[in-house]
PDB file of all heavy atoms in Angstrom:
ATOM      1  N   ASN A   1      12.042  -0.629   0.779  1.00  0.00           N
ATOM      2  CA  ASN A   1      10.875  -0.738  -0.089  1.00  0.00           C
ATOM      3  C   ASN A   1      10.215  -2.086   0.185  1.00  0.00           C
ATOM      4  O   ASN A   1      10.754  -3.130  -0.200  1.00  0.00           O
ATOM      5  CB  ASN A   1      11.268  -0.624  -1.560  1.00  0.00           C
ATOM      6  CG  ASN A   1      11.880   0.730  -1.876  1.00  0.00           C
ATOM      7  OD1 ASN A   1      11.595   1.714  -1.202  1.00  0.00           O
ATOM      8  ND2 ASN A   1      12.730   0.784  -2.887  1.00  0.00           N
ATOM      9  N   ILE A   2       9.075  -2.059   0.834  1.00  0.00           N
ATOM     10  CA  ILE A   2       8.435  -3.281   1.320  1.00  0.00           C
ATOM     11  C   ILE A   2       7.454  -3.845   0.298  1.00  0.00           C
ATOM     12  O   ILE A   2       6.500  -3.181  -0.100  1.00  0.00           O
ATOM     13  CB  ILE A   2       7.703  -3.016   2.648  1.00  0.00           C
ATOM     14  CG1 ILE A   2       8.707  -2.575   3.722  1.00  0.00           C
ATOM     15  CG2 ILE A   2       6.948  -4.264   3.112  1.00  0.00           C
ATOM     16  CD1 ILE A   2       8.065  -2.192   5.040  1.00  0.00           C
ATOM     17  N   SER A   3       7.717  -5.083  -0.125  1.00  0.00           N
ATOM     18  CA  SER A   3       6.748  -5.809  -0.955  1.00  0.00           C
ATOM     19  C   SER A   3       5.701  -6.399  -0.023  1.00  0.00           C
ATOM     20  O   SER A   3       6.006  -7.269   0.791  1.00  0.00           O
ATOM     21  CB  SER A   3       7.445  -6.924  -1.736  1.00  0.00           C
ATOM     22  OG  SER A   3       8.345  -6.408  -2.680  1.00  0.00           O
ATOM     23  N   MET A   4       4.463  -5.909  -0.129  1.00  0.00           N
ATOM     24  CA  MET A   4       3.410  -6.368   0.770  1.00  0.00           C
ATOM     25  C   MET A   4       2.199  -6.857  -0.023  1.00  0.00           C
ATOM     26  O   MET A   4       1.572  -6.081  -0.743  1.00  0.00           O
ATOM     27  CB  MET A   4       2.971  -5.255   1.721  1.00  0.00           C
ATOM     28  CG  MET A   4       1.972  -5.735   2.772  1.00  0.00           C
ATOM     29  SD  MET A   4       1.446  -4.424   3.917  1.00  0.00           S
ATOM     30  CE  MET A   4       0.270  -3.549   2.854  1.00  0.00           C
ATOM     31  N   PRO A   5       1.841  -8.141   0.083  1.00  0.00           N
ATOM     32  CA  PRO A   5       0.625  -8.629  -0.569  1.00  0.00           C
ATOM     33  C   PRO A   5      -0.604  -7.946   0.025  1.00  0.00           C
ATOM     34  O   PRO A   5      -0.733  -7.833   1.242  1.00  0.00           O
ATOM     35  CB  PRO A   5       0.639 -10.126  -0.246  1.00  0.00           C
ATOM     36  CG  PRO A   5       2.062 -10.440   0.056  1.00  0.00           C
ATOM     37  CD  PRO A   5       2.612  -9.217   0.718  1.00  0.00           C
ATOM     38  N   MET A   6      -1.500  -7.478  -0.850  1.00  0.00           N
ATOM     39  CA  MET A   6      -2.726  -6.822  -0.414  1.00  0.00           C
ATOM     40  C   MET A   6      -3.926  -7.530  -1.030  1.00  0.00           C
ATOM     41  O   MET A   6      -3.871  -7.994  -2.176  1.00  0.00           O
ATOM     42  CB  MET A   6      -2.724  -5.345  -0.830  1.00  0.00           C
ATOM     43  CG  MET A   6      -1.629  -4.524  -0.161  1.00  0.00           C
ATOM     44  SD  MET A   6      -1.667  -2.769  -0.647  1.00  0.00           S
ATOM     45  CE  MET A   6      -3.189  -2.235   0.138  1.00  0.00           C
ATOM     46  N   ILE A   7      -5.012  -7.607  -0.273  1.00  0.00           N
ATOM     47  CA  ILE A   7      -6.236  -8.220  -0.769  1.00  0.00           C
ATOM     48  C   ILE A   7      -6.991  -7.201  -1.615  1.00  0.00           C
ATOM     49  O   ILE A   7      -7.245  -6.080  -1.178  1.00  0.00           O
ATOM     50  CB  ILE A   7      -7.130  -8.698   0.395  1.00  0.00           C
ATOM     51  CG1 ILE A   7      -6.364  -9.681   1.273  1.00  0.00           C
ATOM     52  CG2 ILE A   7      -8.413  -9.337  -0.131  1.00  0.00           C
ATOM     53  CD1 ILE A   7      -7.108 -10.088   2.528  1.00  0.00           C
ATOM     54  N   LEU A   8      -7.349  -7.588  -2.825  1.00  0.00           N
ATOM     55  CA  LEU A   8      -8.031  -6.700  -3.757  1.00  0.00           C
ATOM     56  C   LEU A   8      -9.541  -6.809  -3.584  1.00  0.00           C
ATOM     57  O   LEU A   8     -10.049  -7.743  -2.954  1.00  0.00           O
ATOM     58  CB  LEU A   8      -7.625  -7.062  -5.189  1.00  0.00           C
ATOM     59  CG  LEU A   8      -6.111  -7.047  -5.460  1.00  0.00           C
ATOM     60  CD1 LEU A   8      -5.833  -7.473  -6.888  1.00  0.00           C
ATOM     61  CD2 LEU A   8      -5.516  -5.680  -5.181  1.00  0.00           C
ATOM     62  N   PRO A   9     -10.287  -5.846  -4.134  1.00  0.00           N
ATOM     63  CA  PRO A   9     -11.750  -5.860  -3.985  1.00  0.00           C
ATOM     64  C   PRO A   9     -12.405  -7.160  -4.431  1.00  0.00           C
ATOM     65  O   PRO A   9     -13.406  -7.593  -3.859  1.00  0.00           O
ATOM     66  CB  PRO A   9     -12.199  -4.685  -4.866  1.00  0.00           C
ATOM     67  CG  PRO A   9     -11.028  -3.748  -4.854  1.00  0.00           C
ATOM     68  CD  PRO A   9      -9.817  -4.627  -4.832  1.00  0.00           C
ATOM     69  N   GLY A  10     -11.848  -7.807  -5.451  1.00  0.00           N
ATOM     70  CA  GLY A  10     -12.428  -9.050  -5.951  1.00  0.00           C
ATOM     71  C   GLY A  10     -11.986 -10.286  -5.203  1.00  0.00           C
ATOM     72  O   GLY A  10     -12.355 -11.405  -5.568  1.00  0.00           O
ATOM     73  N   GLY A  11     -11.160 -10.109  -4.166  1.00  0.00           N
ATOM     74  CA  GLY A  11     -10.688 -11.246  -3.389  1.00  0.00           C
ATOM     75  C   GLY A  11      -9.321 -11.749  -3.800  1.00  0.00           C
ATOM     76  O   GLY A  11      -8.711 -12.572  -3.113  1.00  0.00           O
ATOM     77  N   GLU A  12      -8.809 -11.280  -4.964  1.00  0.00           N
ATOM     78  CA  GLU A  12      -7.479 -11.680  -5.389  1.00  0.00           C
ATOM     79  C   GLU A  12      -6.431 -10.976  -4.524  1.00  0.00           C
ATOM     80  O   GLU A  12      -6.737 -10.109  -3.727  1.00  0.00           O
ATOM     81  CB  GLU A  12      -7.239 -11.326  -6.862  1.00  0.00           C
ATOM     82  CG  GLU A  12      -8.334 -11.789  -7.806  1.00  0.00           C
ATOM     83  CD  GLU A  12      -9.346 -10.686  -8.079  1.00  0.00           C
ATOM     84  OE1 GLU A  12      -9.459  -9.775  -7.235  1.00  0.00           O
ATOM     85  OE2 GLU A  12     -10.011 -10.740  -9.119  1.00  0.00           O
ATOM     86  N   MET A  13      -5.175 -11.375  -4.729  1.00  0.00           N
ATOM     87  CA  MET A  13      -4.093 -10.728  -4.003  1.00  0.00           C
ATOM     88  C   MET A  13      -3.071 -10.178  -4.990  1.00  0.00           C
ATOM     89  O   MET A  13      -2.812 -10.778  -6.032  1.00  0.00           O
ATOM     90  CB  MET A  13      -3.422 -11.700  -3.036  1.00  0.00           C
ATOM     91  CG  MET A  13      -4.325 -12.158  -1.907  1.00  0.00           C
ATOM     92  SD  MET A  13      -3.431 -12.941  -0.553  1.00  0.00           S
ATOM     93  CE  MET A  13      -2.657 -11.533   0.207  1.00  0.00           C
ATOM     94  N   MET A  14      -2.511  -9.028  -4.653  1.00  0.00           N
ATOM     95  CA  MET A  14      -1.455  -8.425  -5.464  1.00  0.00           C
ATOM     96  C   MET A  14      -0.392  -7.885  -4.522  1.00  0.00           C
ATOM     97  O   MET A  14      -0.697  -7.296  -3.489  1.00  0.00           O
ATOM     98  CB  MET A  14      -2.011  -7.284  -6.334  1.00  0.00           C
ATOM     99  CG  MET A  14      -0.929  -6.519  -7.086  1.00  0.00           C
ATOM    100  SD  MET A  14      -1.585  -5.077  -7.974  1.00  0.00           S
ATOM    101  CE  MET A  14      -2.274  -5.887  -9.405  1.00  0.00           C
ATOM    102  N   THR A  15       0.858  -8.110  -4.879  1.00  0.00           N
ATOM    103  CA  THR A  15       1.961  -7.589  -4.070  1.00  0.00           C
ATOM    104  C   THR A  15       2.280  -6.170  -4.502  1.00  0.00           C
ATOM    105  O   THR A  15       2.575  -5.921  -5.668  1.00  0.00           O
ATOM    106  CB  THR A  15       3.202  -8.481  -4.210  1.00  0.00           C
ATOM    107  OG1 THR A  15       2.886  -9.801  -3.748  1.00  0.00           O
ATOM    108  CG2 THR A  15       4.346  -7.931  -3.368  1.00  0.00           C
ATOM    109  N   ILE A  16       2.196  -5.242  -3.556  1.00  0.00           N
ATOM    110  CA  ILE A  16       2.441  -3.827  -3.816  1.00  0.00           C
ATOM    111  C   ILE A  16       3.790  -3.424  -3.223  1.00  0.00           C
ATOM    112  O   ILE A  16       4.150  -3.860  -2.127  1.00  0.00           O
ATOM    113  CB  ILE A  16       1.330  -2.955  -3.192  1.00  0.00           C
ATOM    114  CG1 ILE A  16      -0.046  -3.391  -3.709  1.00  0.00           C
ATOM    115  CG2 ILE A  16       1.574  -1.480  -3.480  1.00  0.00           C
ATOM    116  CD1 ILE A  16      -0.245  -3.203  -5.191  1.00  0.00           C
ATOM    117  N   ASN A  17       4.518  -2.606  -3.942  1.00  0.00           N
ATOM    118  CA  ASN A  17       5.807  -2.101  -3.471  1.00  0.00           C
ATOM    119  C   ASN A  17       5.584  -0.795  -2.706  1.00  0.00           C
ATOM    120  O   ASN A  17       5.221   0.225  -3.303  1.00  0.00           O
ATOM    121  CB  ASN A  17       6.743  -1.876  -4.668  1.00  0.00           C
ATOM    122  CG  ASN A  17       8.159  -1.520  -4.242  1.00  0.00           C
ATOM    123  OD1 ASN A  17       8.418  -1.238  -3.070  1.00  0.00           O
ATOM    124  ND2 ASN A  17       9.072  -1.525  -5.192  1.00  0.00           N
ATOM    125  N   LEU A  18       5.764  -0.835  -1.400  1.00  0.00           N
ATOM    126  CA  LEU A  18       5.618   0.353  -0.557  1.00  0.00           C
ATOM    127  C   LEU A  18       6.984   1.030  -0.457  1.00  0.00           C
ATOM    128  O   LEU A  18       7.869   0.559   0.252  1.00  0.00           O
ATOM    129  CB  LEU A  18       5.102  -0.044   0.826  1.00  0.00           C
ATOM    130  CG  LEU A  18       3.843  -0.930   0.847  1.00  0.00           C
ATOM    131  CD1 LEU A  18       3.479  -1.289   2.273  1.00  0.00           C
ATOM    132  CD2 LEU A  18       2.680  -0.227   0.152  1.00  0.00           C
ATOM    133  N   HIS A  19       7.121   2.142  -1.150  1.00  0.00           N
ATOM    134  CA  HIS A  19       8.433   2.769  -1.323  1.00  0.00           C
ATOM    135  C   HIS A  19       8.858   3.615  -0.121  1.00  0.00           C
ATOM    136  O   HIS A  19       8.055   4.305   0.507  1.00  0.00           O
ATOM    137  CB  HIS A  19       8.426   3.676  -2.563  1.00  0.00           C
ATOM    138  CG  HIS A  19       8.373   2.940  -3.852  1.00  0.00           C
ATOM    139  ND1 HIS A  19       9.496   2.554  -4.547  1.00  0.00           N
ATOM    140  CD2 HIS A  19       7.327   2.492  -4.598  1.00  0.00           C
ATOM    141  CE1 HIS A  19       9.156   1.925  -5.649  1.00  0.00           C
ATOM    142  NE2 HIS A  19       7.829   1.874  -5.700  1.00  0.00           N
ATOM    143  N   ASN A  20      10.154   3.564   0.147  1.00  0.00           N
ATOM    144  CA  ASN A  20      10.827   4.496   1.073  1.00  0.00           C
ATOM    145  C   ASN A  20      10.149   4.595   2.429  1.00  0.00           C
ATOM    146  O   ASN A  20       9.859   5.676   2.925  1.00  0.00           O
ATOM    147  CB  ASN A  20      10.938   5.881   0.429  1.00  0.00           C
ATOM    148  CG  ASN A  20      11.702   5.850  -0.885  1.00  0.00           C
ATOM    149  OD1 ASN A  20      11.131   6.102  -1.943  1.00  0.00           O
ATOM    150  ND2 ASN A  20      12.975   5.529  -0.831  1.00  0.00           N
ATOM    151  N   PHE A  21       9.963   3.447   3.063  1.00  0.00           N
ATOM    152  CA  PHE A  21       9.369   3.432   4.402  1.00  0.00           C
ATOM    153  C   PHE A  21      10.412   3.683   5.490  1.00  0.00           C
ATOM    154  O   PHE A  21      10.062   3.729   6.666  1.00  0.00           O
ATOM    155  CB  PHE A  21       8.656   2.096   4.639  1.00  0.00           C
ATOM    156  CG  PHE A  21       7.188   2.150   4.304  1.00  0.00           C
ATOM    157  CD1 PHE A  21       6.730   2.941   3.267  1.00  0.00           C
ATOM    158  CD2 PHE A  21       6.258   1.415   5.016  1.00  0.00           C
ATOM    159  CE1 PHE A  21       5.383   3.010   2.947  1.00  0.00           C
ATOM    160  CE2 PHE A  21       4.905   1.476   4.721  1.00  0.00           C
ATOM    161  CZ  PHE A  21       4.469   2.275   3.685  1.00  0.00           C
ATOM    162  N   GLU A  22      11.663   3.844   5.108  1.00  0.00           N
ATOM    163  CA  GLU A  22      12.717   4.025   6.112  1.00  0.00           C
ATOM    164  C   GLU A  22      12.575   5.313   6.913  1.00  0.00           C
ATOM    165  O   GLU A  22      13.030   5.391   8.070  1.00  0.00           O
ATOM    166  CB  GLU A  22      14.112   3.973   5.454  1.00  0.00           C
ATOM    167  CG  GLU A  22      14.439   5.119   4.517  1.00  0.00           C
ATOM    168  CD  GLU A  22      13.878   4.956   3.111  1.00  0.00           C
ATOM    169  OE1 GLU A  22      13.227   3.926   2.846  1.00  0.00           O
ATOM    170  OE2 GLU A  22      14.113   5.860   2.291  1.00  0.00           O
ATOM    171  N   ASP A  23      11.955   6.340   6.332  1.00  0.00           N
ATOM    172  CA  ASP A  23      11.861   7.636   7.011  1.00  0.00           C
ATOM    173  C   ASP A  23      10.431   8.070   7.301  1.00  0.00           C
ATOM    174  O   ASP A  23      10.210   9.193   7.741  1.00  0.00           O
ATOM    175  CB  ASP A  23      12.545   8.726   6.164  1.00  0.00           C
ATOM    176  CG  ASP A  23      14.051   8.504   6.038  1.00  0.00           C
ATOM    177  OD1 ASP A  23      14.661   8.068   7.036  1.00  0.00           O
ATOM    178  OD2 ASP A  23      14.594   8.752   4.954  1.00  0.00           O
ATOM    179  N   LYS A  24       9.464   7.212   7.061  1.00  0.00           N
ATOM    180  CA  LYS A  24       8.066   7.615   7.217  1.00  0.00           C
ATOM    181  C   LYS A  24       7.576   7.424   8.659  1.00  0.00           C
ATOM    182  O   LYS A  24       7.907   6.440   9.318  1.00  0.00           O
ATOM    183  CB  LYS A  24       7.174   6.837   6.257  1.00  0.00           C
ATOM    184  CG  LYS A  24       7.297   7.288   4.808  1.00  0.00           C
ATOM    185  CD  LYS A  24       6.340   6.530   3.924  1.00  0.00           C
ATOM    186  CE  LYS A  24       6.277   7.136   2.528  1.00  0.00           C
ATOM    187  NZ  LYS A  24       7.558   7.188   1.854  1.00  0.00           N
ATOM    188  N   SER A  25       6.759   8.375   9.104  1.00  0.00           N
ATOM    189  CA  SER A  25       6.112   8.258  10.407  1.00  0.00           C
ATOM    190  C   SER A  25       4.931   7.298  10.282  1.00  0.00           C
ATOM    191  O   SER A  25       4.550   6.894   9.174  1.00  0.00           O
ATOM    192  CB  SER A  25       5.627   9.624  10.880  1.00  0.00           C
ATOM    193  OG  SER A  25       4.575  10.085  10.036  1.00  0.00           O
ATOM    194  N   LEU A  26       4.317   6.967  11.412  1.00  0.00           N
ATOM    195  CA  LEU A  26       3.131   6.106  11.376  1.00  0.00           C
ATOM    196  C   LEU A  26       2.020   6.719  10.531  1.00  0.00           C
ATOM    197  O   LEU A  26       1.386   6.044   9.722  1.00  0.00           O
ATOM    198  CB  LEU A  26       2.629   5.872  12.801  1.00  0.00           C
ATOM    199  CG  LEU A  26       3.225   4.697  13.576  1.00  0.00           C
ATOM    200  CD1 LEU A  26       2.708   4.699  15.009  1.00  0.00           C
ATOM    201  CD2 LEU A  26       2.908   3.374  12.900  1.00  0.00           C
ATOM    202  N   ASN A  27       1.785   8.017  10.722  1.00  0.00           N
ATOM    203  CA  ASN A  27       0.742   8.681   9.954  1.00  0.00           C
ATOM    204  C   ASN A  27       1.052   8.688   8.465  1.00  0.00           C
ATOM    205  O   ASN A  27       0.160   8.488   7.625  1.00  0.00           O
ATOM    206  CB  ASN A  27       0.549  10.115  10.454  1.00  0.00           C
ATOM    207  CG  ASN A  27      -0.178  10.167  11.787  1.00  0.00           C
ATOM    208  OD1 ASN A  27      -0.937   9.271  12.125  1.00  0.00           O
ATOM    209  ND2 ASN A  27       0.058  11.221  12.549  1.00  0.00           N
ATOM    210  N   GLU A  28       2.308   8.900   8.117  1.00  0.00           N
ATOM    211  CA  GLU A  28       2.701   8.906   6.701  1.00  0.00           C
ATOM    212  C   GLU A  28       2.543   7.518   6.084  1.00  0.00           C
ATOM    213  O   GLU A  28       2.152   7.393   4.921  1.00  0.00           O
ATOM    214  CB  GLU A  28       4.133   9.404   6.570  1.00  0.00           C
ATOM    215  CG  GLU A  28       4.290  10.897   6.839  1.00  0.00           C
ATOM    216  CD  GLU A  28       5.730  11.344   6.927  1.00  0.00           C
ATOM    217  OE1 GLU A  28       6.612  10.492   7.214  1.00  0.00           O
ATOM    218  OE2 GLU A  28       5.990  12.542   6.714  1.00  0.00           O
ATOM    219  N   MET A  29       2.849   6.492   6.863  1.00  0.00           N
ATOM    220  CA  MET A  29       2.649   5.126   6.373  1.00  0.00           C
ATOM    221  C   MET A  29       1.171   4.856   6.126  1.00  0.00           C
ATOM    222  O   MET A  29       0.790   4.278   5.097  1.00  0.00           O
ATOM    223  CB  MET A  29       3.193   4.122   7.385  1.00  0.00           C
ATOM    224  CG  MET A  29       4.699   4.019   7.437  1.00  0.00           C
ATOM    225  SD  MET A  29       5.211   2.707   8.590  1.00  0.00           S
ATOM    226  CE  MET A  29       6.981   2.680   8.290  1.00  0.00           C
ATOM    227  N   ALA A  30       0.325   5.265   7.075  1.00  0.00           N
ATOM    228  CA  ALA A  30      -1.118   5.058   6.932  1.00  0.00           C
ATOM    229  C   ALA A  30      -1.651   5.782   5.702  1.00  0.00           C
ATOM    230  O   ALA A  30      -2.478   5.240   4.951  1.00  0.00           O
ATOM    231  CB  ALA A  30      -1.840   5.536   8.193  1.00  0.00           C
ATOM    232  N   GLU A  31      -1.197   7.003   5.478  1.00  0.00           N
ATOM    233  CA  GLU A  31      -1.627   7.780   4.312  1.00  0.00           C
ATOM    234  C   GLU A  31      -1.166   7.111   3.014  1.00  0.00           C
ATOM    235  O   GLU A  31      -1.915   7.070   2.022  1.00  0.00           O
ATOM    236  CB  GLU A  31      -1.065   9.196   4.408  1.00  0.00           C
ATOM    237  CG  GLU A  31      -1.713  10.041   5.494  1.00  0.00           C
ATOM    238  CD  GLU A  31      -1.017  11.374   5.683  1.00  0.00           C
ATOM    239  OE1 GLU A  31       0.040  11.597   5.061  1.00  0.00           O
ATOM    240  OE2 GLU A  31      -1.539  12.206   6.461  1.00  0.00           O
ATOM    241  N   TYR A  32       0.060   6.602   3.021  1.00  0.00           N
ATOM    242  CA  TYR A  32       0.603   5.941   1.836  1.00  0.00           C
ATOM    243  C   TYR A  32      -0.251   4.725   1.467  1.00  0.00           C
ATOM    244  O   TYR A  32      -0.636   4.536   0.298  1.00  0.00           O
ATOM    245  CB  TYR A  32       2.050   5.517   2.101  1.00  0.00           C
ATOM    246  CG  TYR A  32       2.803   5.032   0.889  1.00  0.00           C
ATOM    247  CD1 TYR A  32       3.806   5.802   0.310  1.00  0.00           C
ATOM    248  CD2 TYR A  32       2.525   3.792   0.311  1.00  0.00           C
ATOM    249  CE1 TYR A  32       4.504   5.361  -0.804  1.00  0.00           C
ATOM    250  CE2 TYR A  32       3.221   3.333  -0.800  1.00  0.00           C
ATOM    251  CZ  TYR A  32       4.213   4.123  -1.346  1.00  0.00           C
ATOM    252  OH  TYR A  32       4.911   3.686  -2.445  1.00  0.00           O
ATOM    253  N   ILE A  33      -0.550   3.880   2.458  1.00  0.00           N
ATOM    254  CA  ILE A  33      -1.316   2.665   2.210  1.00  0.00           C
ATOM    255  C   ILE A  33      -2.737   3.001   1.754  1.00  0.00           C
ATOM    256  O   ILE A  33      -3.288   2.356   0.851  1.00  0.00           O
ATOM    257  CB  ILE A  33      -1.330   1.780   3.468  1.00  0.00           C
ATOM    258  CG1 ILE A  33       0.091   1.264   3.745  1.00  0.00           C
ATOM    259  CG2 ILE A  33      -2.290   0.604   3.304  1.00  0.00           C
ATOM    260  CD1 ILE A  33       0.244   0.568   5.078  1.00  0.00           C
ATOM    261  N   GLU A  34      -3.328   4.022   2.344  1.00  0.00           N
ATOM    262  CA  GLU A  34      -4.668   4.448   1.928  1.00  0.00           C
ATOM    263  C   GLU A  34      -4.638   4.960   0.491  1.00  0.00           C
ATOM    264  O   GLU A  34      -5.573   4.704  -0.296  1.00  0.00           O
ATOM    265  CB  GLU A  34      -5.178   5.535   2.869  1.00  0.00           C
ATOM    266  CG  GLU A  34      -6.593   6.016   2.564  1.00  0.00           C
ATOM    267  CD  GLU A  34      -7.642   4.921   2.687  1.00  0.00           C
ATOM    268  OE1 GLU A  34      -7.409   3.940   3.431  1.00  0.00           O
ATOM    269  OE2 GLU A  34      -8.697   5.052   2.029  1.00  0.00           O
ATOM    270  N   ASN A  35      -3.581   5.648   0.125  1.00  0.00           N
ATOM    271  CA  ASN A  35      -3.432   6.150  -1.241  1.00  0.00           C
ATOM    272  C   ASN A  35      -3.327   4.990  -2.236  1.00  0.00           C
ATOM    273  O   ASN A  35      -3.889   5.045  -3.338  1.00  0.00           O
ATOM    274  CB  ASN A  35      -2.191   7.037  -1.339  1.00  0.00           C
ATOM    275  CG  ASN A  35      -2.034   7.673  -2.710  1.00  0.00           C
ATOM    276  OD1 ASN A  35      -3.001   8.170  -3.291  1.00  0.00           O
ATOM    277  ND2 ASN A  35      -0.819   7.648  -3.242  1.00  0.00           N
ATOM    278  N   VAL A  36      -2.628   3.935  -1.837  1.00  0.00           N
ATOM    279  CA  VAL A  36      -2.530   2.751  -2.684  1.00  0.00           C
ATOM    280  C   VAL A  36      -3.913   2.138  -2.900  1.00  0.00           C
ATOM    281  O   VAL A  36      -4.270   1.752  -4.013  1.00  0.00           O
ATOM    282  CB  VAL A  36      -1.573   1.708  -2.064  1.00  0.00           C
ATOM    283  CG1 VAL A  36      -1.701   0.364  -2.777  1.00  0.00           C
ATOM    284  CG2 VAL A  36      -0.128   2.195  -2.135  1.00  0.00           C
ATOM    285  N   ARG A  37      -4.708   2.065  -1.837  1.00  0.00           N
ATOM    286  CA  ARG A  37      -6.056   1.492  -1.954  1.00  0.00           C
ATOM    287  C   ARG A  37      -6.921   2.321  -2.914  1.00  0.00           C
ATOM    288  O   ARG A  37      -7.748   1.772  -3.651  1.00  0.00           O
ATOM    289  CB  ARG A  37      -6.708   1.405  -0.576  1.00  0.00           C
ATOM    290  CG  ARG A  37      -5.977   0.472   0.383  1.00  0.00           C
ATOM    291  CD  ARG A  37      -6.776   0.221   1.639  1.00  0.00           C
ATOM    292  NE  ARG A  37      -5.992  -0.471   2.649  1.00  0.00           N
ATOM    293  CZ  ARG A  37      -5.705  -1.761   2.641  1.00  0.00           C
ATOM    294  NH1 ARG A  37      -6.155  -2.523   1.651  1.00  0.00           N
ATOM    295  NH2 ARG A  37      -4.988  -2.318   3.602  1.00  0.00           N
ATOM    296  N   GLU A  38      -6.733   3.632  -2.894  1.00  0.00           N
ATOM    297  CA  GLU A  38      -7.467   4.486  -3.824  1.00  0.00           C
ATOM    298  C   GLU A  38      -6.984   4.269  -5.259  1.00  0.00           C
ATOM    299  O   GLU A  38      -7.783   4.265  -6.198  1.00  0.00           O
ATOM    300  CB  GLU A  38      -7.294   5.955  -3.421  1.00  0.00           C
ATOM    301  CG  GLU A  38      -8.030   6.338  -2.145  1.00  0.00           C
ATOM    302  CD  GLU A  38      -9.531   6.121  -2.246  1.00  0.00           C
ATOM    303  OE1 GLU A  38     -10.109   6.490  -3.282  1.00  0.00           O
ATOM    304  OE2 GLU A  38     -10.117   5.560  -1.297  1.00  0.00           O
ATOM    305  N   LYS A  39      -5.678   4.081  -5.432  1.00  0.00           N
ATOM    306  CA  LYS A  39      -5.129   3.831  -6.770  1.00  0.00           C
ATOM    307  C   LYS A  39      -5.689   2.541  -7.359  1.00  0.00           C
ATOM    308  O   LYS A  39      -5.955   2.455  -8.568  1.00  0.00           O
ATOM    309  CB  LYS A  39      -3.601   3.738  -6.703  1.00  0.00           C
ATOM    310  CG  LYS A  39      -2.875   5.066  -6.568  1.00  0.00           C
ATOM    311  CD  LYS A  39      -1.368   4.834  -6.621  1.00  0.00           C
ATOM    312  CE  LYS A  39      -0.598   6.131  -6.617  1.00  0.00           C
ATOM    313  NZ  LYS A  39       0.868   5.915  -6.724  1.00  0.00           N
ATOM    314  N   ILE A  40      -5.865   1.532  -6.513  1.00  0.00           N
ATOM    315  CA  ILE A  40      -6.373   0.242  -6.980  1.00  0.00           C
ATOM    316  C   ILE A  40      -7.732   0.401  -7.656  1.00  0.00           C
ATOM    317  O   ILE A  40      -8.039  -0.259  -8.652  1.00  0.00           O
ATOM    318  CB  ILE A  40      -6.448  -0.757  -5.803  1.00  0.00           C
ATOM    319  CG1 ILE A  40      -5.036  -1.181  -5.381  1.00  0.00           C
ATOM    320  CG2 ILE A  40      -7.271  -1.987  -6.177  1.00  0.00           C
ATOM    321  CD1 ILE A  40      -4.987  -2.040  -4.136  1.00  0.00           C
ATOM    322  N   LYS A  41      -8.554   1.305  -7.128  1.00  0.00           N
ATOM    323  CA  LYS A  41      -9.895   1.525  -7.680  1.00  0.00           C
ATOM    324  C   LYS A  41      -9.838   2.040  -9.121  1.00  0.00           C
ATOM    325  O   LYS A  41     -10.776   1.834  -9.897  1.00  0.00           O
ATOM    326  CB  LYS A  41     -10.660   2.521  -6.810  1.00  0.00           C
ATOM    327  CG  LYS A  41     -10.917   2.042  -5.387  1.00  0.00           C
ATOM    328  CD  LYS A  41     -11.598   3.131  -4.564  1.00  0.00           C
ATOM    329  CE  LYS A  41     -11.805   2.700  -3.114  1.00  0.00           C
ATOM    330  NZ  LYS A  41     -12.423   3.782  -2.297  1.00  0.00           N
ATOM    331  N   ASN A  42      -8.760   2.731  -9.490  1.00  0.00           N
ATOM    332  CA  ASN A  42      -8.632   3.303 -10.831  1.00  0.00           C
ATOM    333  C   ASN A  42      -7.763   2.455 -11.752  1.00  0.00           C
ATOM    334  O   ASN A  42      -7.409   2.895 -12.847  1.00  0.00           O
ATOM    335  CB  ASN A  42      -8.023   4.705 -10.743  1.00  0.00           C
ATOM    336  CG  ASN A  42      -8.875   5.665  -9.944  1.00  0.00           C
ATOM    337  OD1 ASN A  42     -10.093   5.670 -10.074  1.00  0.00           O
ATOM    338  ND2 ASN A  42      -8.243   6.464  -9.101  1.00  0.00           N
TER     339      ASN A  42
END
């Protein structure tokens, strides 16, 4: 579970927990991170 700081729309930073990356493919990782970016908007 990777704690990764991400830049927010307002320029701030927040550390996001990227869960269960041990078995994810590159495409699954990309989809996961994109999903996190969408969650941030809400």
